[in-house]
Protein backbone atom coordinates (compact mmCIF):
# COMPACT_ATOMS: atom_id res chain seq x y z
CA MET A 1 38.24 43.24 -2.81
CA ALA A 2 38.69 39.86 -4.46
CA TYR A 3 40.00 39.84 -8.01
CA ILE A 4 38.15 37.73 -10.57
CA ASP A 5 39.75 37.15 -13.95
CA TYR A 6 36.75 37.33 -16.27
CA TYR A 7 38.82 36.40 -19.32
CA LYS A 8 39.98 33.21 -17.59
CA ILE A 9 36.42 32.32 -16.59
CA LEU A 10 35.28 32.57 -20.22
CA GLY A 11 38.41 30.82 -21.50
CA VAL A 12 39.42 33.63 -23.86
CA ASP A 13 42.37 35.99 -24.00
CA LYS A 14 42.31 39.77 -23.76
CA SER A 15 42.38 40.16 -27.55
CA ALA A 16 39.12 38.25 -27.96
CA THR A 17 36.46 39.87 -30.13
CA GLN A 18 32.90 40.45 -28.94
CA ASP A 19 31.87 37.51 -31.12
CA ASP A 20 34.50 35.30 -29.43
CA ILE A 21 33.14 36.28 -26.02
CA LYS A 22 29.56 35.58 -27.09
CA LYS A 23 30.47 32.12 -28.42
CA ALA A 24 32.51 31.22 -25.33
CA TYR A 25 29.68 32.29 -23.04
CA ARG A 26 27.03 30.29 -24.91
CA LYS A 27 29.19 27.17 -24.92
CA LEU A 28 29.92 27.29 -21.18
CA ALA A 29 26.38 28.34 -20.26
CA ARG A 30 25.00 25.20 -21.90
CA LYS A 31 27.50 23.08 -19.97
CA LEU A 32 27.04 24.74 -16.55
CA HIS A 33 23.33 25.59 -16.61
CA PRO A 34 21.61 24.60 -13.32
CA ASP A 35 18.98 22.59 -15.19
CA LEU A 36 21.73 20.27 -16.42
CA ASN A 37 23.53 20.18 -13.06
CA PRO A 38 20.87 19.79 -10.35
CA ASP A 39 22.20 19.99 -6.76
CA ASP A 40 25.72 20.69 -8.06
CA LYS A 41 26.98 23.61 -5.96
CA GLU A 42 30.26 23.87 -7.88
CA ALA A 43 28.46 24.17 -11.21
CA GLU A 44 26.09 26.71 -9.67
CA ARG A 45 29.04 28.82 -8.46
CA LYS A 46 30.75 28.69 -11.85
CA PHE A 47 27.51 29.55 -13.65
CA LYS A 48 27.13 32.70 -11.53
CA GLU A 49 30.75 33.69 -12.23
CA LEU A 50 30.19 33.02 -15.93
CA ASN A 51 27.18 35.35 -16.05
CA GLU A 52 29.10 38.02 -14.18
CA ALA A 53 32.04 37.75 -16.59
CA ASN A 54 29.76 37.94 -19.61
CA GLU A 55 27.90 40.94 -18.20
CA VAL A 56 31.16 42.87 -17.94
CA LEU A 57 33.05 41.75 -21.05
CA SER A 58 30.09 41.77 -23.43
CA ASN A 59 29.59 45.46 -22.68
CA PRO A 60 32.35 47.43 -24.49
CA GLU A 61 32.22 50.32 -21.99
CA ASN A 62 32.45 48.03 -18.95
CA ARG A 63 35.15 45.97 -20.64
CA THR A 64 37.28 49.07 -21.22
CA LYS A 65 37.01 49.98 -17.55
CA TYR A 66 37.79 46.41 -16.50
CA ASP A 67 40.88 46.28 -18.73
CA LYS A 68 42.11 49.54 -17.20
CA TYR A 69 41.27 49.08 -13.53
CA GLY A 70 40.96 45.29 -13.07
CA GLU A 71 39.01 44.28 -9.99
CA ASN A 72 38.32 47.96 -9.24
CA TRP A 73 36.66 48.64 -12.57
CA LYS A 74 33.33 49.73 -11.05
CA HIS A 75 35.01 52.48 -9.06
CA GLY A 76 38.10 53.13 -11.18
CA GLU A 77 37.22 56.67 -12.19
CA GLU A 78 36.22 57.48 -8.63
CA TYR A 79 39.54 56.12 -7.43
CA GLU A 80 41.47 58.28 -9.89
CA LYS A 81 39.68 61.42 -8.72
CA ALA A 82 40.16 60.50 -5.07
CA ARG A 83 43.85 59.71 -5.60
CA GLN A 84 44.45 63.06 -7.29
CA GLN A 85 42.57 64.83 -4.51
CA GLN A 86 44.70 63.06 -1.91
CA GLN A 87 47.92 64.04 -3.69
CA ARG A 88 46.90 67.72 -3.74
CA GLN A 89 45.97 67.59 -0.08
CA TYR A 90 49.21 65.89 0.87
CA GLN A 91 51.23 68.52 -0.98
CA GLN A 92 49.33 71.29 0.81
CA GLN A 93 50.02 69.67 4.15
CA SER A 94 53.70 69.12 3.38
CA TYR A 95 54.54 72.40 1.68
CA GLY A 96 51.73 74.89 2.17
CA GLY A 97 50.80 74.12 5.78
CA GLY A 98 47.40 74.46 7.31
CA GLY A 99 46.10 70.94 6.72
CA PHE A 100 43.82 69.62 4.01
CA SER A 101 41.95 72.77 3.13
CA GLY A 102 40.90 71.40 -0.24
CA ALA A 103 39.04 68.32 1.05
CA ASP A 104 35.40 68.20 0.05
CA PHE A 105 34.33 64.91 1.66
CA GLY A 106 31.84 65.86 4.37
CA GLU A 107 30.81 63.77 7.35
CA GLY A 108 28.24 61.11 6.62
CA GLU A 109 29.26 60.87 2.96
CA ASP A 110 28.22 57.61 1.33
CA PHE A 111 31.48 56.06 0.10
CA SER A 112 31.85 52.95 -2.05
CA ASP A 113 33.27 49.66 -0.75
CA PHE A 114 36.28 50.23 -2.96
CA PHE A 115 36.93 53.65 -1.41
CA GLN A 116 36.50 52.21 2.09
CA SER A 117 38.97 49.40 1.42
CA MET A 118 41.58 51.67 -0.17
CA PHE A 119 41.42 54.66 2.15
CA GLY A 120 39.87 53.42 5.37
CA GLY A 121 36.58 55.32 5.04
CA ALA A 122 35.54 58.93 5.17
CA GLY A 123 36.42 59.50 8.80
CA GLY A 124 39.84 57.84 8.92
CA GLY A 125 41.56 58.58 5.60
CA PHE A 126 40.30 61.41 3.46
CA GLY A 127 38.10 64.17 4.71
CA ARG A 128 38.26 66.67 7.51
CA SER A 129 37.78 66.03 11.14
CA SER A 130 35.61 68.41 13.13
CA ARG A 131 38.70 70.62 13.52
CA GLY A 132 39.60 70.68 9.85
CA SER A 133 42.63 68.30 9.92
CA SER A 134 43.19 64.72 8.80
CA SER A 135 45.18 61.83 10.18
CA GLY A 136 46.50 61.04 6.67
CA LYS A 137 46.53 57.29 7.39
CA PHE A 138 45.96 55.06 4.39
CA LYS A 139 45.63 51.33 4.03
CA GLY A 140 48.40 49.62 2.08
CA GLN A 141 47.74 48.16 -1.35
CA ASP A 142 46.32 44.64 -1.53
CA VAL A 143 48.52 41.97 -3.11
CA HIS A 144 47.26 39.17 -5.37
CA ALA A 145 49.14 35.90 -5.81
CA GLU A 146 48.51 32.53 -7.42
CA LEU A 147 49.38 29.15 -5.95
CA ASN A 148 49.56 26.01 -8.08
CA LEU A 149 48.38 22.72 -6.60
CA ASN A 150 47.92 19.31 -8.17
CA LEU A 151 44.67 17.46 -7.50
CA LYS A 152 46.21 15.11 -4.93
CA ASP A 153 47.67 17.99 -2.90
CA ALA A 154 44.34 19.81 -3.00
CA ALA A 155 42.69 16.71 -1.52
CA HIS A 156 44.77 16.80 1.68
CA THR A 157 45.15 19.43 4.38
CA HIS A 158 48.79 20.48 4.38
CA PRO A 159 51.06 23.44 5.18
CA GLN A 160 52.53 25.50 2.37
CA THR A 161 55.26 28.15 2.50
CA PHE A 162 55.88 30.69 -0.25
CA GLU A 163 57.44 34.11 -0.67
CA ILE A 164 55.63 37.40 -1.31
CA ASN A 165 57.53 40.69 -1.60
CA GLY A 166 60.60 39.13 0.01
CA LYS A 167 58.64 37.80 2.99
CA LYS A 168 57.91 34.16 3.68
CA VAL A 169 54.26 33.37 4.27
CA ARG A 170 53.17 30.04 5.77
CA ILE A 171 49.57 28.89 5.47
CA THR A 172 47.66 25.68 6.04
CA ILE A 173 45.63 24.72 2.99
CA PRO A 174 42.40 22.88 3.90
CA ALA A 175 41.50 19.75 1.99
CA GLY A 176 38.90 20.28 -0.72
CA VAL A 177 39.95 23.64 -2.21
CA TYR A 178 38.81 24.07 -5.80
CA ASP A 179 40.37 25.57 -8.91
CA GLY A 180 39.97 29.34 -8.92
CA GLN A 181 39.13 29.55 -5.21
CA GLN A 182 40.50 32.60 -3.46
CA ILE A 183 41.38 33.15 0.19
CA LYS A 184 42.31 36.36 2.01
CA LEU A 185 45.15 36.81 4.49
CA LYS A 186 44.42 40.01 6.33
CA GLY A 187 47.39 42.35 6.81
CA HIS A 188 49.82 40.43 4.60
CA GLY A 189 49.72 42.94 1.73
CA ASN A 190 51.82 46.06 1.20
CA PRO A 191 52.58 48.34 4.18
CA GLY A 192 50.16 51.13 5.01
CA PHE A 193 50.98 54.82 4.59
CA ASN A 194 51.65 57.10 7.55
CA GLY A 195 50.77 54.46 10.12
CA GLY A 196 47.78 53.07 8.25
CA PRO A 197 47.00 49.32 8.24
CA ASN A 198 48.69 46.93 5.87
CA GLY A 199 46.86 45.75 2.80
CA ASP A 200 45.60 42.20 2.46
CA LEU A 201 46.97 39.24 0.54
CA TYR A 202 44.61 37.38 -1.80
CA ILE A 203 45.71 33.91 -2.90
CA THR A 204 44.03 32.18 -5.84
CA PHE A 205 44.47 28.41 -6.20
CA ASN A 206 45.23 26.98 -9.64
CA ILE A 207 44.55 23.25 -9.96
CA PRO A 208 45.34 21.94 -13.46
CA VAL A 209 43.44 19.10 -15.10
CA ASP A 210 44.50 15.73 -13.67
CA PRO A 211 45.38 12.97 -16.18
CA ASN A 212 43.59 10.27 -14.15
CA PHE A 213 40.62 11.94 -12.50
CA GLU A 214 37.95 14.40 -13.59
CA ARG A 215 36.59 16.47 -10.72
CA ILE A 216 32.94 17.47 -10.72
CA GLY A 217 32.18 19.30 -7.50
CA ASP A 218 33.14 16.88 -4.75
CA ASP A 219 32.84 13.81 -6.99
CA LEU A 220 35.53 12.24 -9.15
CA LYS A 221 35.30 10.30 -12.40
CA THR A 222 37.87 7.86 -13.73
CA LYS A 223 38.16 5.12 -16.33
CA VAL A 224 39.64 1.62 -15.99
CA SER A 225 40.35 -0.95 -18.70
CA ILE A 226 39.21 -4.55 -18.34
CA ASP A 227 39.82 -7.38 -20.76
CA LEU A 228 37.06 -9.14 -22.64
CA TYR A 229 37.26 -12.27 -20.53
CA THR A 230 36.79 -10.35 -17.26
CA ALA A 231 33.90 -8.44 -18.81
CA VAL A 232 32.19 -11.68 -19.87
CA LEU A 233 33.01 -13.96 -16.93
CA GLY A 234 33.50 -11.46 -14.14
CA GLY A 235 36.55 -11.02 -11.94
CA ASP A 236 38.63 -8.49 -10.03
CA VAL A 237 40.19 -5.25 -11.20
CA LYS A 238 42.46 -2.79 -9.39
CA VAL A 239 41.22 0.81 -9.33
CA ASN A 240 43.33 3.79 -8.33
CA THR A 241 41.86 6.38 -5.95
CA LEU A 242 43.37 9.52 -4.43
CA ASP A 243 44.26 7.47 -1.35
CA GLY A 244 45.74 4.41 -3.06
CA SER A 245 44.30 1.48 -4.98
CA VAL A 246 41.31 -0.74 -4.20
CA ASN A 247 40.13 -4.06 -5.66
CA LEU A 248 36.78 -3.92 -7.38
CA LYS A 249 34.55 -6.86 -8.23
CA VAL A 250 33.46 -6.92 -11.88
CA LYS A 251 30.11 -8.57 -12.46
CA PRO A 252 29.81 -11.17 -15.24
CA GLU A 253 28.52 -9.86 -18.57
CA THR A 254 29.57 -6.28 -17.82
CA GLN A 255 29.00 -4.03 -20.83
CA ASN A 256 31.52 -1.55 -22.20
CA GLY A 257 30.88 1.89 -20.70
CA THR A 258 29.27 0.55 -17.51
CA THR A 259 29.78 2.94 -14.58
CA VAL A 260 29.89 1.96 -10.91
CA ARG A 261 30.03 4.21 -7.86
CA LEU A 262 32.48 3.95 -4.98
CA LYS A 263 30.85 5.88 -2.17
CA GLY A 264 33.10 8.22 -0.19
CA LYS A 265 36.11 7.71 -2.48
CA GLY A 266 35.76 11.05 -4.23
CA PHE A 267 37.08 14.49 -3.26
CA PRO A 268 36.97 15.82 0.32
CA VAL A 269 34.25 18.37 1.04
CA TYR A 270 35.85 21.76 1.77
CA LYS A 271 36.08 22.45 5.52
CA LYS A 272 33.86 19.45 6.38
CA GLU A 273 36.21 16.94 7.92
CA GLY A 274 35.39 13.31 7.25
CA GLN A 275 33.04 14.05 4.35
CA SER A 276 33.93 13.19 0.75
CA GLY A 277 32.18 12.88 -2.56
CA ASP A 278 31.99 9.66 -4.57
CA LEU A 279 34.24 8.09 -7.20
CA PHE A 280 32.54 7.00 -10.42
CA VAL A 281 34.42 4.29 -12.31
CA THR A 282 33.65 3.63 -15.97
CA TYR A 283 34.73 0.29 -17.49
CA GLU A 284 36.39 0.28 -20.89
CA VAL A 285 36.39 -3.22 -22.34
CA LYS A 286 39.62 -3.93 -24.20
CA LEU A 287 39.23 -6.40 -27.07
CA PRO A 288 41.95 -9.04 -27.53
CA THR A 289 44.37 -8.79 -30.45
CA GLY A 290 46.74 -11.30 -32.06
CA LEU A 291 44.29 -14.22 -31.73
CA THR A 292 45.47 -17.69 -32.67
CA ASP A 293 43.54 -19.81 -35.15
CA LYS A 294 42.24 -21.91 -32.27
CA GLN A 295 40.97 -18.82 -30.43
CA LYS A 296 39.30 -17.53 -33.55
CA GLU A 297 37.67 -20.91 -34.02
CA LEU A 298 36.28 -20.74 -30.48
CA PHE A 299 34.81 -17.33 -31.18
CA GLU A 300 33.21 -18.71 -34.35
CA GLN A 301 31.62 -21.45 -32.29
CA LEU A 302 30.26 -18.89 -29.83
CA LYS A 303 28.96 -16.81 -32.70
CA ASN A 304 27.09 -19.72 -34.23
CA SER A 305 25.85 -21.29 -31.03
């Protein structure tokens, strides 16, 4: 069961008031609304997560459960009851003999996804078999970890090795992963109980804001300074991309704030080799300073011509 940090999605801390949560939601909803981001799958995903986070944290009762049980908040109370039941049954098996006489989970019981993931389902973990005994096998606890990547690393497929619970884990990170994305490594969590399967390892990628590029889905935005003379007369300017620098032709009479698109120079599309978004370059015209009297005179002539 993937863990989603609703506080992080809303950009507030756990001490936030209901008013803080409401303000944060309204601000982000305006920014991420599908009407303002047509055909933007990343914005669509974040908007759905935002609504989910608000639905939970804006409800005091749900928020209390979420703070207590985390990702299992929907089934937290059920889990507590099931865990206590399991402990009583285990004690009876260990000390009183005769198997799990106190189990009350019948065959065909409709169990939640949480219960299935924690205990392996009604037939394999809790409950009685047709002969009144239980295997007592339980899945190990899932482990959650965070992995920090800079934007350039996230743009290239590369291996990464890190340590979880004293064990080294090596994964290959595909190009195009996004901030907050989570992957699951089956069986790399905590060991199972009494021969049960291991838990799973969930890794969440953290990609901090890059000083040179703003990522919007699979597109990138950047700014480049050009001097007044290049803006007026045209010329060449060097633009940095994730894969190095390129020379860009500046058209004569380019206005400050003009944006041009470099097709295919944006961010790689996740798990679609050879596909990338675009890079949007905005020109910032830098005015000259420290002009000589002669230069000022020339500008006066231009002004009056």
